[in-house]
Amino acid sequence: MSAASGAASKAGRRAGEDEDVMYPEFEEALIAIACHKFADPYISLESRVEKFFSVYIRERKE
């Protein structure tokens, strides 16, 4: 195995490890997206997150 292919396989493994996201990281990402989509600083964080969920993530009715 050459040095270049060895480095590529190590990089591939590291990239695969980054695909696992723990729940707190996922939750933080959703909150960050909610703050970006509803950037009004005069609305509370809780209200922005609730609005984000109601607009973009809806409960399925079966």
PDB file of N, CA and C in Angstrom:
ATOM      1  N   MET A   1       0.854  -1.172   0.000  1.00  0.00           N
ATOM      2  CA  MET A   1       0.000   0.000   0.000  1.00  0.00           C
ATOM      3  C   MET A   1       0.898   1.232   0.000  1.00  0.00           C
ATOM      4  N   SER A   2       0.611   2.193  -0.849  1.00  0.00           N
ATOM      5  CA  SER A   2       1.429   3.399  -0.913  1.00  0.00           C
ATOM      6  C   SER A   2       1.000   4.378   0.173  1.00  0.00           C
ATOM      7  N   ALA A   3       1.826   5.374   0.411  1.00  0.00           N
ATOM      8  CA  ALA A   3       1.518   6.373   1.431  1.00  0.00           C
ATOM      9  C   ALA A   3       0.258   7.153   1.082  1.00  0.00           C
ATOM     10  N   ALA A   4       0.064   7.440  -0.201  1.00  0.00           N
ATOM     11  CA  ALA A   4      -1.116   8.209  -0.620  1.00  0.00           C
ATOM     12  C   ALA A   4      -2.399   7.421  -0.398  1.00  0.00           C
ATOM     13  N   SER A   5      -2.394   6.139  -0.732  1.00  0.00           N
ATOM     14  CA  SER A   5      -3.611   5.342  -0.542  1.00  0.00           C
ATOM     15  C   SER A   5      -3.864   5.079   0.939  1.00  0.00           C
ATOM     16  N   GLY A   6      -2.803   4.945   1.726  1.00  0.00           N
ATOM     17  CA  GLY A   6      -2.963   4.776   3.167  1.00  0.00           C
ATOM     18  C   GLY A   6      -3.574   6.000   3.815  1.00  0.00           C
ATOM     19  N   ALA A   7      -3.137   7.174   3.382  1.00  0.00           N
ATOM     20  CA  ALA A   7      -3.700   8.415   3.914  1.00  0.00           C
ATOM     21  C   ALA A   7      -5.156   8.563   3.505  1.00  0.00           C
ATOM     22  N   ALA A   8      -5.482   8.152   2.287  1.00  0.00           N
ATOM     23  CA  ALA A   8      -6.867   8.250   1.816  1.00  0.00           C
ATOM     24  C   ALA A   8      -7.779   7.327   2.612  1.00  0.00           C
ATOM     25  N   SER A   9      -7.299   6.123   2.945  1.00  0.00           N
ATOM     26  CA  SER A   9      -8.144   5.204   3.704  1.00  0.00           C
ATOM     27  C   SER A   9      -8.339   5.697   5.133  1.00  0.00           C
ATOM     28  N   LYS A  10      -7.314   6.302   5.727  1.00  0.00           N
ATOM     29  CA  LYS A  10      -7.467   6.873   7.066  1.00  0.00           C
ATOM     30  C   LYS A  10      -8.455   8.029   7.043  1.00  0.00           C
ATOM     31  N   ALA A  11      -8.376   8.864   6.025  1.00  0.00           N
ATOM     32  CA  ALA A  11      -9.303   9.989   5.909  1.00  0.00           C
ATOM     33  C   ALA A  11     -10.724   9.478   5.720  1.00  0.00           C
ATOM     34  N   GLY A  12     -10.888   8.401   4.971  1.00  0.00           N
ATOM     35  CA  GLY A  12     -12.203   7.811   4.765  1.00  0.00           C
ATOM     36  C   GLY A  12     -12.801   7.286   6.056  1.00  0.00           C
ATOM     37  N   ARG A  13     -11.969   6.688   6.879  1.00  0.00           N
ATOM     38  CA  ARG A  13     -12.460   6.191   8.166  1.00  0.00           C
ATOM     39  C   ARG A  13     -12.850   7.341   9.075  1.00  0.00           C
ATOM     40  N   ARG A  14     -12.066   8.389   9.096  1.00  0.00           N
ATOM     41  CA  ARG A  14     -12.400   9.539   9.935  1.00  0.00           C
ATOM     42  C   ARG A  14     -13.696  10.186   9.474  1.00  0.00           C
ATOM     43  N   ALA A  15     -13.903  10.269   8.185  1.00  0.00           N
ATOM     44  CA  ALA A  15     -15.131  10.868   7.668  1.00  0.00           C
ATOM     45  C   ALA A  15     -16.333  10.017   8.063  1.00  0.00           C
ATOM     46  N   GLY A  16     -16.188   8.703   8.061  1.00  0.00           N
ATOM     47  CA  GLY A  16     -17.278   7.816   8.459  1.00  0.00           C
ATOM     48  C   GLY A  16     -17.627   7.958   9.925  1.00  0.00           C
ATOM     49  N   GLU A  17     -16.632   8.218  10.749  1.00  0.00           N
ATOM     50  CA  GLU A  17     -16.876   8.388  12.174  1.00  0.00           C
ATOM     51  C   GLU A  17     -17.667   9.653  12.451  1.00  0.00           C
ATOM     52  N   ASP A  18     -17.510  10.671  11.636  1.00  0.00           N
ATOM     53  CA  ASP A  18     -18.210  11.934  11.841  1.00  0.00           C
ATOM     54  C   ASP A  18     -19.692  11.844  11.496  1.00  0.00           C
ATOM     55  N   GLU A  19     -20.119  10.761  10.864  1.00  0.00           N
ATOM     56  CA  GLU A  19     -21.516  10.619  10.499  1.00  0.00           C
ATOM     57  C   GLU A  19     -22.391  10.334  11.708  1.00  0.00           C
ATOM     58  N   ASP A  20     -21.823   9.814  12.774  1.00  0.00           N
ATOM     59  CA  ASP A  20     -22.593   9.537  13.976  1.00  0.00           C
ATOM     60  C   ASP A  20     -22.785  10.827  14.758  1.00  0.00           C
ATOM     61  N   VAL A  21     -24.041  11.177  15.000  1.00  0.00           N
ATOM     62  CA  VAL A  21     -24.356  12.391  15.740  1.00  0.00           C
ATOM     63  C   VAL A  21     -25.128  11.978  16.985  1.00  0.00           C
ATOM     64  N   MET A  22     -24.662  12.411  18.119  1.00  0.00           N
ATOM     65  CA  MET A  22     -25.349  12.115  19.364  1.00  0.00           C
ATOM     66  C   MET A  22     -26.560  13.036  19.485  1.00  0.00           C
ATOM     67  N   TYR A  23     -27.528  12.647  20.310  1.00  0.00           N
ATOM     68  CA  TYR A  23     -28.770  13.413  20.414  1.00  0.00           C
ATOM     69  C   TYR A  23     -28.543  14.868  20.828  1.00  0.00           C
ATOM     70  N   PRO A  24     -27.706  15.165  21.821  1.00  0.00           N
ATOM     71  CA  PRO A  24     -27.503  16.581  22.180  1.00  0.00           C
ATOM     72  C   PRO A  24     -26.955  17.426  21.026  1.00  0.00           C
ATOM     73  N   GLU A  25     -26.090  16.835  20.205  1.00  0.00           N
ATOM     74  CA  GLU A  25     -25.563  17.560  19.041  1.00  0.00           C
ATOM     75  C   GLU A  25     -26.661  17.794  18.011  1.00  0.00           C
ATOM     76  N   PHE A  26     -27.518  16.795  17.805  1.00  0.00           N
ATOM     77  CA  PHE A  26     -28.642  16.910  16.878  1.00  0.00           C
ATOM     78  C   PHE A  26     -29.612  17.990  17.353  1.00  0.00           C
ATOM     79  N   GLU A  27     -29.895  17.969  18.647  1.00  0.00           N
ATOM     80  CA  GLU A  27     -30.794  18.957  19.237  1.00  0.00           C
ATOM     81  C   GLU A  27     -30.221  20.370  19.079  1.00  0.00           C
ATOM     82  N   GLU A  28     -28.937  20.522  19.338  1.00  0.00           N
ATOM     83  CA  GLU A  28     -28.279  21.819  19.192  1.00  0.00           C
ATOM     84  C   GLU A  28     -28.323  22.305  17.743  1.00  0.00           C
ATOM     85  N   ALA A  29     -28.162  21.386  16.805  1.00  0.00           N
ATOM     86  CA  ALA A  29     -28.227  21.749  15.386  1.00  0.00           C
ATOM     87  C   ALA A  29     -29.624  22.228  15.010  1.00  0.00           C
ATOM     88  N   LEU A  30     -30.661  21.548  15.495  1.00  0.00           N
ATOM     89  CA  LEU A  30     -32.034  21.983  15.208  1.00  0.00           C
ATOM     90  C   LEU A  30     -32.309  23.367  15.789  1.00  0.00           C
ATOM     91  N   ILE A  31     -31.816  23.622  16.983  1.00  0.00           N
ATOM     92  CA  ILE A  31     -32.008  24.932  17.609  1.00  0.00           C
ATOM     93  C   ILE A  31     -31.269  26.007  16.825  1.00  0.00           C
ATOM     94  N   ALA A  32     -30.068  25.701  16.365  1.00  0.00           N
ATOM     95  CA  ALA A  32     -29.308  26.664  15.560  1.00  0.00           C
ATOM     96  C   ALA A  32     -30.031  26.976  14.258  1.00  0.00           C
ATOM     97  N   ILE A  33     -30.611  25.959  13.626  1.00  0.00           N
ATOM     98  CA  ILE A  33     -31.366  26.183  12.391  1.00  0.00           C
ATOM     99  C   ILE A  33     -32.601  27.022  12.678  1.00  0.00           C
ATOM    100  N   ALA A  34     -33.279  26.744  13.785  1.00  0.00           N
ATOM    101  CA  ALA A  34     -34.460  27.527  14.158  1.00  0.00           C
ATOM    102  C   ALA A  34     -34.092  28.991  14.375  1.00  0.00           C
ATOM    103  N   CYS A  35     -32.960  29.237  15.006  1.00  0.00           N
ATOM    104  CA  CYS A  35     -32.512  30.618  15.230  1.00  0.00           C
ATOM    105  C   CYS A  35     -32.152  31.299  13.918  1.00  0.00           C
ATOM    106  N   HIS A  36     -31.653  30.546  12.973  1.00  0.00           N
ATOM    107  CA  HIS A  36     -31.313  31.109  11.666  1.00  0.00           C
ATOM    108  C   HIS A  36     -32.577  31.423  10.862  1.00  0.00           C
ATOM    109  N   LYS A  37     -33.542  30.502  10.889  1.00  0.00           N
ATOM    110  CA  LYS A  37     -34.769  30.694  10.112  1.00  0.00           C
ATOM    111  C   LYS A  37     -35.630  31.814  10.693  1.00  0.00           C
ATOM    112  N   PHE A  38     -35.655  31.949  12.008  1.00  0.00           N
ATOM    113  CA  PHE A  38     -36.440  32.979  12.690  1.00  0.00           C
ATOM    114  C   PHE A  38     -35.472  33.818  13.521  1.00  0.00           C
ATOM    115  N   ALA A  39     -34.846  34.770  12.865  1.00  0.00           N
ATOM    116  CA  ALA A  39     -33.725  35.503  13.466  1.00  0.00           C
ATOM    117  C   ALA A  39     -34.130  36.731  14.276  1.00  0.00           C
ATOM    118  N   ASP A  40     -35.396  36.911  14.547  1.00  0.00           N
ATOM    119  CA  ASP A  40     -35.855  38.078  15.307  1.00  0.00           C
ATOM    120  C   ASP A  40     -35.354  37.984  16.754  1.00  0.00           C
ATOM    121  N   PRO A  41     -34.487  38.893  17.194  1.00  0.00           N
ATOM    122  CA  PRO A  41     -33.927  38.801  18.548  1.00  0.00           C
ATOM    123  C   PRO A  41     -34.929  39.156  19.647  1.00  0.00           C
ATOM    124  N   TYR A  42     -36.074  39.702  19.268  1.00  0.00           N
ATOM    125  CA  TYR A  42     -37.078  40.090  20.257  1.00  0.00           C
ATOM    126  C   TYR A  42     -38.053  38.959  20.574  1.00  0.00           C
ATOM    127  N   ILE A  43     -37.930  37.843  19.880  1.00  0.00           N
ATOM    128  CA  ILE A  43     -38.744  36.662  20.160  1.00  0.00           C
ATOM    129  C   ILE A  43     -37.871  35.688  20.942  1.00  0.00           C
ATOM    130  N   SER A  44     -38.440  35.105  21.982  1.00  0.00           N
ATOM    131  CA  SER A  44     -37.652  34.199  22.826  1.00  0.00           C
ATOM    132  C   SER A  44     -37.184  32.975  22.045  1.00  0.00           C
ATOM    133  N   LEU A  45     -36.110  32.389  22.523  1.00  0.00           N
ATOM    134  CA  LEU A  45     -35.554  31.192  21.894  1.00  0.00           C
ATOM    135  C   LEU A  45     -36.595  30.077  21.876  1.00  0.00           C
ATOM    136  N   GLU A  46     -37.298  29.917  22.972  1.00  0.00           N
ATOM    137  CA  GLU A  46     -38.323  28.875  23.062  1.00  0.00           C
ATOM    138  C   GLU A  46     -39.403  29.067  21.998  1.00  0.00           C
ATOM    139  N   SER A  47     -39.838  30.299  21.800  1.00  0.00           N
ATOM    140  CA  SER A  47     -40.869  30.579  20.798  1.00  0.00           C
ATOM    141  C   SER A  47     -40.366  30.315  19.389  1.00  0.00           C
ATOM    142  N   ARG A  48     -39.120  30.682  19.121  1.00  0.00           N
ATOM    143  CA  ARG A  48     -38.555  30.444  17.789  1.00  0.00           C
ATOM    144  C   ARG A  48     -38.445  28.953  17.491  1.00  0.00           C
ATOM    145  N   VAL A  49     -38.024  28.173  18.488  1.00  0.00           N
ATOM    146  CA  VAL A  49     -37.891  26.726  18.292  1.00  0.00           C
ATOM    147  C   VAL A  49     -39.269  26.094  18.099  1.00  0.00           C
ATOM    148  N   GLU A  50     -40.258  26.499  18.900  1.00  0.00           N
ATOM    149  CA  GLU A  50     -41.615  25.971  18.743  1.00  0.00           C
ATOM    150  C   GLU A  50     -42.181  26.313  17.370  1.00  0.00           C
ATOM    151  N   LYS A  51     -41.945  27.536  16.914  1.00  0.00           N
ATOM    152  CA  LYS A  51     -42.423  27.944  15.590  1.00  0.00           C
ATOM    153  C   LYS A  51     -41.732  27.129  14.501  1.00  0.00           C
ATOM    154  N   PHE A  52     -40.435  26.906  14.648  1.00  0.00           N
ATOM    155  CA  PHE A  52     -39.690  26.094  13.682  1.00  0.00           C
ATOM    156  C   PHE A  52     -40.282  24.695  13.584  1.00  0.00           C
ATOM    157  N   PHE A  53     -40.552  24.077  14.731  1.00  0.00           N
ATOM    158  CA  PHE A  53     -41.123  22.732  14.714  1.00  0.00           C
ATOM    159  C   PHE A  53     -42.517  22.722  14.098  1.00  0.00           C
ATOM    160  N   SER A  54     -43.321  23.726  14.412  1.00  0.00           N
ATOM    161  CA  SER A  54     -44.682  23.730  13.871  1.00  0.00           C
ATOM    162  C   SER A  54     -44.702  24.005  12.372  1.00  0.00           C
ATOM    163  N   VAL A  55     -43.750  24.791  11.868  1.00  0.00           N
ATOM    164  CA  VAL A  55     -43.730  25.121  10.441  1.00  0.00           C
ATOM    165  C   VAL A  55     -43.023  24.046   9.628  1.00  0.00           C
ATOM    166  N   TYR A  56     -41.869  23.580  10.083  1.00  0.00           N
ATOM    167  CA  TYR A  56     -41.034  22.699   9.271  1.00  0.00           C
ATOM    168  C   TYR A  56     -41.091  21.224   9.660  1.00  0.00           C
ATOM    169  N   ILE A  57     -41.417  20.930  10.904  1.00  0.00           N
ATOM    170  CA  ILE A  57     -41.458  19.539  11.352  1.00  0.00           C
ATOM    171  C   ILE A  57     -42.851  19.304  11.919  1.00  0.00           C
ATOM    172  N   ARG A  58     -43.672  18.705  11.123  1.00  0.00           N
ATOM    173  CA  ARG A  58     -45.063  18.493  11.523  1.00  0.00           C
ATOM    174  C   ARG A  58     -45.275  17.047  11.943  1.00  0.00           C
ATOM    175  N   GLU A  59     -46.187  16.871  12.871  1.00  0.00           N
ATOM    176  CA  GLU A  59     -46.546  15.531  13.309  1.00  0.00           C
ATOM    177  C   GLU A  59     -47.423  14.883  12.241  1.00  0.00           C
ATOM    178  N   ARG A  60     -47.123  13.646  11.934  1.00  0.00           N
ATOM    179  CA  ARG A  60     -47.921  12.929  10.939  1.00  0.00           C
ATOM    180  C   ARG A  60     -49.231  12.468  11.562  1.00  0.00           C
ATOM    181  N   LYS A  61     -50.305  12.668  10.841  1.00  0.00           N
ATOM    182  CA  LYS A  61     -51.609  12.185  11.296  1.00  0.00           C
ATOM    183  C   LYS A  61     -51.962  10.969  10.461  1.00  0.00           C
ATOM    184  N   GLU A  62     -52.133   9.860  11.141  1.00  0.00           N
ATOM    185  CA  GLU A  62     -52.417   8.610  10.417  1.00  0.00           C
ATOM    186  C   GLU A  62     -53.847   8.213  10.579  1.00  0.00           C
TER     187      GLU A  62
END
